Amino acid sequence: MRHLLSVSDLDRDDVERILEAAAALRGLEGKLPTLRGKLVLSLFFESSTRTSSSFELAAKRLSADVISLKAAGSSVDKGESLKDTVLTLAQYEPHAIVVRHPRIGAPQLVARYSGAAVVNAGDGKHQHPTQALLDLFTMRDALGRLDGLHVAIVGDVLHSRVARSLIQALALVGAHVTLVGPPTLIPRGIEAMGCSTATEIEAIADADVVYVLRMQRERMEAAFVPSLREYASRWGITPERVRPGQKVMHPGPVNRSLEIDGRVADGPDSLILAQVRAGLAVRMAVLHELLAAGAPARETAAVA
């Protein structure tokens, strides 16, 4: 695997291999020497807490050198294009570039103008493949399987790169997806991706996992729902709408009392913090896959 730009870059064997590597790397104490001498650039042109911190820590746990660049305070503030930024940074000969950008296709541009392995950490409302992988890892860890699972994805599907990647990833592993939300937030024709759709919250009743999406108000240029209060009333995930044992997930950041009730987010069936923990192991596994293919997923731990 040369790059990870989209879930479409993966087949089921790739997914299984990455998840197994993540399981081997989970709970690692100290550092592994796997990527010693490798340079990983982290380029984030949108806000991020979980993704940026876990990628940086993942690279450091594998002993890579890491440079982190945010748009604020960089030459981007002075009008420099993404192409020129990448051409400049490519002179440092990075081995991998992790990029998040508001423009769809930005990671492909980074791959075109650098010789590095590129990981898409989110481009516009297009793709977020490592989020999908960590979600699969979390589901399998909690439920013991992926094949045959029923996952209800609830909320703002229209603006969600997480939803698009997760639909594709779940299809790869034999799971069934139902999209639930206001008609204005369910993209037309999305059933072609192999999922079903519903506009009533009752459609989550039979799901093994209820996957709650954030209302991405920063990407909304028009009113997609009459009001946020009505959205919470009709599609918010409350204790009354989930059953005991029905797992609940959310990619974060969480808007409590809007898309999900705090009692559910903090409840015994919430996997939200498990997703955060999984992010570190999965992103270590992805960097290992791209930069150290052929080496064992977990060498003897050593402090670098």
C-alpha atoms as a PDB file:
ATOM      1  CA  MET A   1       0.000   0.000   0.000  1.00  0.00           C
ATOM      2  CA  ARG A   2       1.587   3.274  -1.152  1.00  0.00           C
ATOM      3  CA  HIS A   3      -0.890   5.789   0.306  1.00  0.00           C
ATOM      4  CA  LEU A   4      -4.084   5.759   2.370  1.00  0.00           C
ATOM      5  CA  LEU A   5      -6.233   8.408   0.701  1.00  0.00           C
ATOM      6  CA  SER A   6      -9.592   6.654   0.825  1.00  0.00           C
ATOM      7  CA  VAL A   7     -11.229   3.481   2.091  1.00  0.00           C
ATOM      8  CA  SER A   8     -11.367   2.502  -1.595  1.00  0.00           C
ATOM      9  CA  ASP A   9      -7.573   2.031  -1.361  1.00  0.00           C
ATOM     10  CA  LEU A  10      -8.226  -0.984   0.895  1.00  0.00           C
ATOM     11  CA  ASP A  11      -9.563  -4.470   0.400  1.00  0.00           C
ATOM     12  CA  ARG A  12     -10.763  -6.772   3.148  1.00  0.00           C
ATOM     13  CA  ASP A  13      -7.354  -8.370   3.582  1.00  0.00           C
ATOM     14  CA  ASP A  14      -5.815  -4.927   4.083  1.00  0.00           C
ATOM     15  CA  VAL A  15      -8.425  -4.107   6.716  1.00  0.00           C
ATOM     16  CA  GLU A  16      -7.893  -7.372   8.576  1.00  0.00           C
ATOM     17  CA  ARG A  17      -4.113  -6.946   8.517  1.00  0.00           C
ATOM     18  CA  ILE A  18      -4.289  -3.400   9.890  1.00  0.00           C
ATOM     19  CA  LEU A  19      -6.755  -4.371  12.614  1.00  0.00           C
ATOM     20  CA  GLU A  20      -4.583  -7.312  13.664  1.00  0.00           C
ATOM     21  CA  ALA A  21      -1.518  -5.071  13.769  1.00  0.00           C
ATOM     22  CA  ALA A  22      -3.439  -2.535  15.869  1.00  0.00           C
ATOM     23  CA  ALA A  23      -4.439  -5.285  18.309  1.00  0.00           C
ATOM     24  CA  ALA A  24      -0.782  -6.269  18.634  1.00  0.00           C
ATOM     25  CA  LEU A  25       0.281  -2.662  19.219  1.00  0.00           C
ATOM     26  CA  ARG A  26      -2.462  -1.744  21.685  1.00  0.00           C
ATOM     27  CA  GLY A  27      -1.240  -1.159  25.203  1.00  0.00           C
ATOM     28  CA  LEU A  28       2.367  -0.751  24.153  1.00  0.00           C
ATOM     29  CA  GLU A  29       4.550   0.713  26.875  1.00  0.00           C
ATOM     30  CA  GLY A  30       7.535   2.777  25.823  1.00  0.00           C
ATOM     31  CA  LYS A  31       8.601   3.005  22.192  1.00  0.00           C
ATOM     32  CA  LEU A  32       9.339   0.663  19.334  1.00  0.00           C
ATOM     33  CA  PRO A  33      12.351   1.323  17.084  1.00  0.00           C
ATOM     34  CA  THR A  34      10.326   0.506  13.945  1.00  0.00           C
ATOM     35  CA  LEU A  35      10.410   3.965  12.335  1.00  0.00           C
ATOM     36  CA  ARG A  36      13.639   5.289  13.774  1.00  0.00           C
ATOM     37  CA  GLY A  37      15.196   7.592  11.181  1.00  0.00           C
ATOM     38  CA  LYS A  38      11.870   8.203   9.410  1.00  0.00           C
ATOM     39  CA  LEU A  39      10.347  11.685   9.168  1.00  0.00           C
ATOM     40  CA  VAL A  40       6.570  12.122   9.476  1.00  0.00           C
ATOM     41  CA  LEU A  41       5.007  15.502   8.672  1.00  0.00           C
ATOM     42  CA  SER A  42       1.624  16.331  10.169  1.00  0.00           C
ATOM     43  CA  LEU A  43      -0.189  19.026   8.141  1.00  0.00           C
ATOM     44  CA  PHE A  44      -3.522  20.107   9.614  1.00  0.00           C
ATOM     45  CA  PHE A  45      -5.387  22.921   7.894  1.00  0.00           C
ATOM     46  CA  GLU A  46      -8.564  22.303   9.929  1.00  0.00           C
ATOM     47  CA  SER A  47      -9.086  22.064  13.673  1.00  0.00           C
ATOM     48  CA  SER A  48      -8.445  18.678  15.253  1.00  0.00           C
ATOM     49  CA  THR A  49      -7.874  17.235  18.697  1.00  0.00           C
ATOM     50  CA  ARG A  50      -8.207  13.450  18.451  1.00  0.00           C
ATOM     51  CA  THR A  51      -6.807  12.842  14.980  1.00  0.00           C
ATOM     52  CA  SER A  52      -3.838  15.184  15.136  1.00  0.00           C
ATOM     53  CA  SER A  53      -2.754  14.170  18.634  1.00  0.00           C
ATOM     54  CA  SER A  54      -3.118  10.446  17.994  1.00  0.00           C
ATOM     55  CA  PHE A  55      -1.171  10.558  14.715  1.00  0.00           C
ATOM     56  CA  GLU A  56       1.626  12.552  16.339  1.00  0.00           C
ATOM     57  CA  LEU A  57       1.786  10.205  19.317  1.00  0.00           C
ATOM     58  CA  ALA A  58       1.559   7.153  17.030  1.00  0.00           C
ATOM     59  CA  ALA A  59       4.576   8.315  15.028  1.00  0.00           C
ATOM     60  CA  LYS A  60       6.548   9.051  18.193  1.00  0.00           C
ATOM     61  CA  ARG A  61       5.666   5.666  19.726  1.00  0.00           C
ATOM     62  CA  LEU A  62       7.235   4.121  16.611  1.00  0.00           C
ATOM     63  CA  SER A  63      10.342   6.331  17.094  1.00  0.00           C
ATOM     64  CA  ALA A  64       9.783   8.524  14.029  1.00  0.00           C
ATOM     65  CA  ASP A  65      10.803  12.173  13.926  1.00  0.00           C
ATOM     66  CA  VAL A  66       7.689  14.363  13.724  1.00  0.00           C
ATOM     67  CA  ILE A  67       7.098  17.902  12.450  1.00  0.00           C
ATOM     68  CA  SER A  68       3.615  19.338  12.997  1.00  0.00           C
ATOM     69  CA  LEU A  69       2.337  22.249  10.922  1.00  0.00           C
ATOM     70  CA  LYS A  70      -0.938  24.105  11.408  1.00  0.00           C
ATOM     71  CA  ALA A  71      -2.325  26.598   8.909  1.00  0.00           C
ATOM     72  CA  ALA A  72      -2.416  29.354  11.522  1.00  0.00           C
ATOM     73  CA  GLY A  73       1.031  30.897  11.845  1.00  0.00           C
ATOM     74  CA  SER A  74       2.380  29.268   8.689  1.00  0.00           C
ATOM     75  CA  SER A  75       2.956  30.736   5.234  1.00  0.00           C
ATOM     76  CA  VAL A  76      -0.590  29.683   4.394  1.00  0.00           C
ATOM     77  CA  ASP A  77      -1.658  32.771   6.359  1.00  0.00           C
ATOM     78  CA  LYS A  78       0.346  34.810   3.830  1.00  0.00           C
ATOM     79  CA  GLY A  79      -1.470  33.313   0.861  1.00  0.00           C
ATOM     80  CA  GLU A  80       0.820  30.406   0.011  1.00  0.00           C
ATOM     81  CA  SER A  81      -0.946  27.664  -1.951  1.00  0.00           C
ATOM     82  CA  LEU A  82      -1.100  24.063  -0.772  1.00  0.00           C
ATOM     83  CA  LYS A  83       1.008  23.067  -3.793  1.00  0.00           C
ATOM     84  CA  ASP A  84       3.804  25.465  -2.849  1.00  0.00           C
ATOM     85  CA  THR A  85       3.624  24.430   0.794  1.00  0.00           C
ATOM     86  CA  VAL A  86       4.023  20.787  -0.206  1.00  0.00           C
ATOM     87  CA  LEU A  87       6.829  21.516  -2.678  1.00  0.00           C
ATOM     88  CA  THR A  88       8.669  23.368   0.092  1.00  0.00           C
ATOM     89  CA  LEU A  89       8.223  20.654   2.705  1.00  0.00           C
ATOM     90  CA  ALA A  90       9.128  17.943   0.203  1.00  0.00           C
ATOM     91  CA  GLN A  91      12.678  19.314   0.222  1.00  0.00           C
ATOM     92  CA  TYR A  92      13.046  17.866   3.726  1.00  0.00           C
ATOM     93  CA  GLU A  93      12.413  14.413   2.190  1.00  0.00           C
ATOM     94  CA  PRO A  94       9.653  13.249   4.553  1.00  0.00           C
ATOM     95  CA  HIS A  95       8.775   9.569   4.526  1.00  0.00           C
ATOM     96  CA  ALA A  96       5.100  10.180   5.346  1.00  0.00           C
ATOM     97  CA  ILE A  97       2.739  13.145   5.325  1.00  0.00           C
ATOM     98  CA  VAL A  98      -0.501  13.113   7.283  1.00  0.00           C
ATOM     99  CA  VAL A  99      -2.825  15.804   5.952  1.00  0.00           C
ATOM    100  CA  ARG A 100      -6.194  17.277   6.895  1.00  0.00           C
ATOM    101  CA  HIS A 101      -7.612  19.952   4.617  1.00  0.00           C
ATOM    102  CA  PRO A 102     -11.038  21.532   3.991  1.00  0.00           C
ATOM    103  CA  ARG A 103     -10.725  20.954   0.240  1.00  0.00           C
ATOM    104  CA  ILE A 104     -11.786  17.650  -1.271  1.00  0.00           C
ATOM    105  CA  GLY A 105      -8.853  16.048  -3.083  1.00  0.00           C
ATOM    106  CA  ALA A 106      -6.128  17.862  -1.152  1.00  0.00           C
ATOM    107  CA  PRO A 107      -4.398  14.613  -0.068  1.00  0.00           C
ATOM    108  CA  GLN A 108      -4.162  13.522  -3.705  1.00  0.00           C
ATOM    109  CA  LEU A 109      -2.423  16.815  -4.487  1.00  0.00           C
ATOM    110  CA  VAL A 110       0.007  16.240  -1.627  1.00  0.00           C
ATOM    111  CA  ALA A 111       0.766  12.766  -2.990  1.00  0.00           C
ATOM    112  CA  ARG A 112       1.348  14.222  -6.469  1.00  0.00           C
ATOM    113  CA  TYR A 113       3.887  16.829  -5.355  1.00  0.00           C
ATOM    114  CA  SER A 114       5.844  14.886  -2.751  1.00  0.00           C
ATOM    115  CA  GLY A 115       7.561  11.541  -2.723  1.00  0.00           C
ATOM    116  CA  ALA A 116       6.109  10.655   0.686  1.00  0.00           C
ATOM    117  CA  ALA A 117       3.477   8.139   1.666  1.00  0.00           C
ATOM    118  CA  VAL A 118       0.333  10.210   2.271  1.00  0.00           C
ATOM    119  CA  VAL A 119      -2.410   9.548   4.800  1.00  0.00           C
ATOM    120  CA  ASN A 120      -5.708  11.367   4.443  1.00  0.00           C
ATOM    121  CA  ALA A 121      -6.718  12.635   7.886  1.00  0.00           C
ATOM    122  CA  GLY A 122      -9.887  14.210   6.456  1.00  0.00           C
ATOM    123  CA  ASP A 123     -10.561  16.176   3.274  1.00  0.00           C
ATOM    124  CA  GLY A 124     -13.678  18.316   3.240  1.00  0.00           C
ATOM    125  CA  LYS A 125     -16.780  16.126   3.363  1.00  0.00           C
ATOM    126  CA  HIS A 126     -15.096  13.409   1.308  1.00  0.00           C
ATOM    127  CA  GLN A 127     -13.058  10.821   3.252  1.00  0.00           C
ATOM    128  CA  HIS A 128     -11.536  10.010   6.655  1.00  0.00           C
ATOM    129  CA  PRO A 129     -10.216   6.456   6.266  1.00  0.00           C
ATOM    130  CA  THR A 130      -8.363   6.046   9.561  1.00  0.00           C
ATOM    131  CA  GLN A 131     -11.507   7.045  11.459  1.00  0.00           C
ATOM    132  CA  ALA A 132     -13.346   4.226   9.688  1.00  0.00           C
ATOM    133  CA  LEU A 133     -10.587   1.768  10.583  1.00  0.00           C
ATOM    134  CA  LEU A 134     -10.566   2.712  14.255  1.00  0.00           C
ATOM    135  CA  ASP A 135     -14.354   2.436  14.306  1.00  0.00           C
ATOM    136  CA  LEU A 136     -14.165  -1.101  12.887  1.00  0.00           C
ATOM    137  CA  PHE A 137     -11.535  -1.943  15.498  1.00  0.00           C
ATOM    138  CA  THR A 138     -13.775  -0.606  18.281  1.00  0.00           C
ATOM    139  CA  MET A 139     -16.848  -2.499  17.057  1.00  0.00           C
ATOM    140  CA  ARG A 140     -14.985  -5.777  16.691  1.00  0.00           C
ATOM    141  CA  ASP A 141     -13.401  -5.365  20.117  1.00  0.00           C
ATOM    142  CA  ALA A 142     -16.755  -4.702  21.794  1.00  0.00           C
ATOM    143  CA  LEU A 143     -18.962  -7.133  19.883  1.00  0.00           C
ATOM    144  CA  GLY A 144     -16.534  -9.826  18.798  1.00  0.00           C
ATOM    145  CA  ARG A 145     -17.378  -9.649  15.100  1.00  0.00           C
ATOM    146  CA  LEU A 146     -17.957  -7.345  12.150  1.00  0.00           C
ATOM    147  CA  ASP A 147     -19.596  -9.627   9.603  1.00  0.00           C
ATOM    148  CA  GLY A 148     -23.376  -9.379   9.889  1.00  0.00           C
ATOM    149  CA  LEU A 149     -23.449  -6.378  12.227  1.00  0.00           C
ATOM    150  CA  HIS A 150     -26.241  -3.848  11.766  1.00  0.00           C
ATOM    151  CA  VAL A 151     -24.989  -0.283  12.241  1.00  0.00           C
ATOM    152  CA  ALA A 152     -27.352   2.697  12.267  1.00  0.00           C
ATOM    153  CA  ILE A 153     -25.562   5.938  11.375  1.00  0.00           C
ATOM    154  CA  VAL A 154     -27.624   8.853  12.648  1.00  0.00           C
ATOM    155  CA  GLY A 155     -27.543  12.548  11.811  1.00  0.00           C
ATOM    156  CA  ASP A 156     -25.742  14.834   9.396  1.00  0.00           C
ATOM    157  CA  VAL A 157     -24.682  12.345   6.737  1.00  0.00           C
ATOM    158  CA  LEU A 158     -24.655  14.998   4.002  1.00  0.00           C
ATOM    159  CA  HIS A 159     -21.614  16.838   5.359  1.00  0.00           C
ATOM    160  CA  SER A 160     -19.856  13.865   6.955  1.00  0.00           C
ATOM    161  CA  ARG A 161     -16.622  12.415   5.597  1.00  0.00           C
ATOM    162  CA  VAL A 162     -16.763  10.012   8.551  1.00  0.00           C
ATOM    163  CA  ALA A 163     -20.062   8.577   7.319  1.00  0.00           C
ATOM    164  CA  ARG A 164     -18.830   8.076   3.750  1.00  0.00           C
ATOM    165  CA  SER A 165     -15.691   6.275   4.848  1.00  0.00           C
ATOM    166  CA  LEU A 166     -17.524   4.173   7.422  1.00  0.00           C
ATOM    167  CA  ILE A 167     -20.223   3.066   4.966  1.00  0.00           C
ATOM    168  CA  GLN A 168     -17.515   1.823   2.604  1.00  0.00           C
ATOM    169  CA  ALA A 169     -15.530   0.132   5.364  1.00  0.00           C
ATOM    170  CA  LEU A 170     -18.556  -1.630   6.843  1.00  0.00           C
ATOM    171  CA  ALA A 171     -19.503  -2.913   3.397  1.00  0.00           C
ATOM    172  CA  LEU A 172     -15.987  -4.392   3.044  1.00  0.00           C
ATOM    173  CA  VAL A 173     -16.421  -6.460   6.204  1.00  0.00           C
ATOM    174  CA  GLY A 174     -19.970  -7.652   5.570  1.00  0.00           C
ATOM    175  CA  ALA A 175     -21.915  -5.328   7.874  1.00  0.00           C
ATOM    176  CA  HIS A 176     -25.262  -3.682   7.054  1.00  0.00           C
ATOM    177  CA  VAL A 177     -25.756   0.075   7.385  1.00  0.00           C
ATOM    178  CA  THR A 178     -28.928   2.105   7.857  1.00  0.00           C
ATOM    179  CA  LEU A 179     -28.657   5.882   7.559  1.00  0.00           C
ATOM    180  CA  VAL A 180     -31.109   7.770   9.744  1.00  0.00           C
ATOM    181  CA  GLY A 181     -31.790  11.491   9.807  1.00  0.00           C
ATOM    182  CA  PRO A 182     -33.687  14.424   8.333  1.00  0.00           C
ATOM    183  CA  PRO A 183     -34.332  14.014   4.584  1.00  0.00           C
ATOM    184  CA  THR A 184     -32.313  17.183   3.937  1.00  0.00           C
ATOM    185  CA  LEU A 185     -29.236  15.603   5.545  1.00  0.00           C
ATOM    186  CA  ILE A 186     -29.364  12.256   3.718  1.00  0.00           C
ATOM    187  CA  PRO A 187     -27.607  12.586   0.331  1.00  0.00           C
ATOM    188  CA  ARG A 188     -29.682  11.640  -2.693  1.00  0.00           C
ATOM    189  CA  GLY A 189     -28.667   8.332  -4.226  1.00  0.00           C
ATOM    190  CA  ILE A 190     -26.450   7.281  -1.327  1.00  0.00           C
ATOM    191  CA  GLU A 191     -28.215   3.896  -1.338  1.00  0.00           C
ATOM    192  CA  ALA A 192     -25.931   3.090  -4.281  1.00  0.00           C
ATOM    193  CA  MET A 193     -23.168   2.626  -1.686  1.00  0.00           C
ATOM    194  CA  GLY A 194     -25.038  -0.423  -0.379  1.00  0.00           C
ATOM    195  CA  CYS A 195     -26.867   1.078   2.584  1.00  0.00           C
ATOM    196  CA  SER A 196     -30.525   1.706   3.387  1.00  0.00           C
ATOM    197  CA  THR A 197     -32.038   4.983   4.600  1.00  0.00           C
ATOM    198  CA  ALA A 198     -34.766   6.074   6.994  1.00  0.00           C
ATOM    199  CA  THR A 199     -36.062   9.398   8.244  1.00  0.00           C
ATOM    200  CA  GLU A 200     -37.586   8.245  11.537  1.00  0.00           C
ATOM    201  CA  ILE A 201     -35.464   7.633  14.616  1.00  0.00           C
ATOM    202  CA  GLU A 202     -37.336   4.385  15.319  1.00  0.00           C
ATOM    203  CA  ALA A 203     -35.212   2.817  12.573  1.00  0.00           C
ATOM    204  CA  ILE A 204     -32.334   2.470  15.065  1.00  0.00           C
ATOM    205  CA  ALA A 205     -34.275  -0.029  17.188  1.00  0.00           C
ATOM    206  CA  ASP A 206     -32.768  -3.216  15.733  1.00  0.00           C
ATOM    207  CA  ALA A 207     -29.210  -1.940  15.228  1.00  0.00           C
ATOM    208  CA  ASP A 208     -26.304  -3.501  17.093  1.00  0.00           C
ATOM    209  CA  VAL A 209     -24.503  -0.138  17.020  1.00  0.00           C
ATOM    210  CA  VAL A 210     -25.926   3.375  16.933  1.00  0.00           C
ATOM    211  CA  TYR A 211     -23.278   5.619  15.390  1.00  0.00           C
ATOM    212  CA  VAL A 212     -24.072   9.279  16.073  1.00  0.00           C
ATOM    213  CA  LEU A 213     -22.747  12.027  13.798  1.00  0.00           C
ATOM    214  CA  ARG A 214     -22.036  15.617  14.754  1.00  0.00           C
ATOM    215  CA  MET A 215     -24.175  18.361  13.267  1.00  0.00           C
ATOM    216  CA  GLN A 216     -21.529  20.112  11.137  1.00  0.00           C
ATOM    217  CA  ARG A 217     -22.890  23.617  11.293  1.00  0.00           C
ATOM    218  CA  GLU A 218     -19.616  25.061   9.983  1.00  0.00           C
ATOM    219  CA  ARG A 219     -20.242  23.324   6.629  1.00  0.00           C
ATOM    220  CA  MET A 220     -23.889  24.351   6.375  1.00  0.00           C
ATOM    221  CA  GLU A 221     -24.594  27.284   4.106  1.00  0.00           C
ATOM    222  CA  ALA A 222     -28.364  26.988   4.501  1.00  0.00           C
ATOM    223  CA  ALA A 223     -30.934  25.864   7.073  1.00  0.00           C
ATOM    224  CA  PHE A 224     -31.114  22.073   6.753  1.00  0.00           C
ATOM    225  CA  VAL A 225     -33.410  21.655   9.769  1.00  0.00           C
ATOM    226  CA  PRO A 226     -36.070  24.037  11.104  1.00  0.00           C
ATOM    227  CA  SER A 227     -34.129  24.439  14.346  1.00  0.00           C
ATOM    228  CA  LEU A 228     -31.505  22.652  16.424  1.00  0.00           C
ATOM    229  CA  ARG A 229     -34.115  22.181  19.136  1.00  0.00           C
ATOM    230  CA  GLU A 230     -36.339  20.297  16.706  1.00  0.00           C
ATOM    231  CA  TYR A 231     -33.408  18.226  15.509  1.00  0.00           C
ATOM    232  CA  ALA A 232     -32.594  17.197  19.086  1.00  0.00           C
ATOM    233  CA  SER A 233     -36.243  16.393  19.733  1.00  0.00           C
ATOM    234  CA  ARG A 234     -36.694  14.199  16.648  1.00  0.00           C
ATOM    235  CA  TRP A 235     -33.259  12.661  16.054  1.00  0.00           C
ATOM    236  CA  GLY A 236     -31.238  13.141  19.232  1.00  0.00           C
ATOM    237  CA  ILE A 237     -30.071   9.927  20.894  1.00  0.00           C
ATOM    238  CA  THR A 238     -31.612   9.792  24.362  1.00  0.00           C
ATOM    239  CA  PRO A 239     -31.774   7.003  26.983  1.00  0.00           C
ATOM    240  CA  GLU A 240     -35.353   6.293  25.930  1.00  0.00           C
ATOM    241  CA  ARG A 241     -34.291   5.593  22.333  1.00  0.00           C
ATOM    242  CA  VAL A 242     -31.580   3.007  22.988  1.00  0.00           C
ATOM    243  CA  ARG A 243     -31.885  -0.372  24.623  1.00  0.00           C
ATOM    244  CA  PRO A 244     -29.515  -1.987  27.150  1.00  0.00           C
ATOM    245  CA  GLY A 245     -26.608  -3.607  25.335  1.00  0.00           C
ATOM    246  CA  GLN A 246     -27.021  -1.472  22.203  1.00  0.00           C
ATOM    247  CA  LYS A 247     -23.617   0.106  21.650  1.00  0.00           C
ATOM    248  CA  VAL A 248     -23.334   3.830  20.958  1.00  0.00           C
ATOM    249  CA  MET A 249     -20.469   5.536  19.129  1.00  0.00           C
ATOM    250  CA  HIS A 250     -19.556   9.079  18.113  1.00  0.00           C
ATOM    251  CA  PRO A 251     -16.443  10.297  16.252  1.00  0.00           C
ATOM    252  CA  GLY A 252     -16.260  13.505  18.272  1.00  0.00           C
ATOM    253  CA  PRO A 253     -16.337  16.276  19.106  1.00  0.00           C
ATOM    254  CA  VAL A 254     -19.641  15.650  20.843  1.00  0.00           C
ATOM    255  CA  ASN A 255     -22.379  18.279  20.985  1.00  0.00           C
ATOM    256  CA  ARG A 256     -24.129  17.124  24.143  1.00  0.00           C
ATOM    257  CA  SER A 257     -27.875  17.657  24.313  1.00  0.00           C
ATOM    258  CA  LEU A 258     -27.991  18.184  20.537  1.00  0.00           C
ATOM    259  CA  GLU A 259     -27.152  14.955  18.724  1.00  0.00           C
ATOM    260  CA  ILE A 260     -26.698  12.877  21.877  1.00  0.00           C
ATOM    261  CA  ASP A 261     -27.843  13.071  25.488  1.00  0.00           C
ATOM    262  CA  GLY A 262     -25.002  13.207  28.008  1.00  0.00           C
ATOM    263  CA  ARG A 263     -26.489  10.238  29.872  1.00  0.00           C
ATOM    264  CA  VAL A 264     -26.019   8.126  26.743  1.00  0.00           C
ATOM    265  CA  ALA A 265     -22.568   9.497  25.938  1.00  0.00           C
ATOM    266  CA  ASP A 266     -21.404   8.633  29.465  1.00  0.00           C
ATOM    267  CA  GLY A 267     -23.433   5.437  29.813  1.00  0.00           C
ATOM    268  CA  PRO A 268     -22.240   1.825  30.138  1.00  0.00           C
ATOM    269  CA  ASP A 269     -22.861   1.071  26.450  1.00  0.00           C
ATOM    270  CA  SER A 270     -20.980   4.091  25.147  1.00  0.00           C
ATOM    271  CA  LEU A 271     -17.849   3.267  23.138  1.00  0.00           C
ATOM    272  CA  ILE A 272     -16.835   6.894  22.591  1.00  0.00           C
ATOM    273  CA  LEU A 273     -13.702   6.786  24.748  1.00  0.00           C
ATOM    274  CA  ALA A 274     -12.859   3.330  23.404  1.00  0.00           C
ATOM    275  CA  GLN A 275     -12.802   4.920  19.938  1.00  0.00           C
ATOM    276  CA  VAL A 276     -10.257   7.472  21.146  1.00  0.00           C
ATOM    277  CA  ARG A 277      -8.063   4.718  22.587  1.00  0.00           C
ATOM    278  CA  ALA A 278      -8.374   2.697  19.389  1.00  0.00           C
ATOM    279  CA  GLY A 279      -7.251   5.702  17.343  1.00  0.00           C
ATOM    280  CA  LEU A 280      -3.707   5.519  18.672  1.00  0.00           C
ATOM    281  CA  ALA A 281      -3.239   1.795  17.985  1.00  0.00           C
ATOM    282  CA  VAL A 282      -4.852   1.942  14.548  1.00  0.00           C
ATOM    283  CA  ARG A 283      -2.803   4.942  13.434  1.00  0.00           C
ATOM    284  CA  MET A 284       0.356   3.233  14.628  1.00  0.00           C
ATOM    285  CA  ALA A 285      -0.685   0.233  12.528  1.00  0.00           C
ATOM    286  CA  VAL A 286      -1.325   2.426   9.461  1.00  0.00           C
ATOM    287  CA  LEU A 287       2.081   4.118   9.724  1.00  0.00           C
ATOM    288  CA  HIS A 288       3.666   0.709  10.191  1.00  0.00           C
ATOM    289  CA  GLU A 289       1.836  -0.593   7.107  1.00  0.00           C
ATOM    290  CA  LEU A 290       2.997   2.315   4.953  1.00  0.00           C
ATOM    291  CA  LEU A 291       6.576   2.666   6.183  1.00  0.00           C
ATOM    292  CA  ALA A 292       7.655  -0.697   7.594  1.00  0.00           C
ATOM    293  CA  ALA A 293       5.745  -3.333   5.596  1.00  0.00           C
ATOM    294  CA  GLY A 294       7.260  -6.760   6.074  1.00  0.00           C
ATOM    295  CA  ALA A 295       8.483  -6.129   9.616  1.00  0.00           C
ATOM    296  CA  PRO A 296       6.624  -7.728  12.540  1.00  0.00           C
ATOM    297  CA  ALA A 297       3.811  -5.505  13.836  1.00  0.00           C
ATOM    298  CA  ARG A 298       5.243  -5.583  17.317  1.00  0.00           C
ATOM    299  CA  GLU A 299       8.940  -5.905  17.951  1.00  0.00           C
ATOM    300  CA  THR A 300      10.364  -6.087  21.439  1.00  0.00           C
ATOM    301  CA  ALA A 301       9.570  -2.757  23.090  1.00  0.00           C
ATOM    302  CA  ALA A 302      12.553  -0.497  23.451  1.00  0.00           C
ATOM    303  CA  VAL A 303      12.884   3.046  24.678  1.00  0.00           C
ATOM    304  CA  ALA A 304      14.270   5.139  21.847  1.00  0.00           C
END
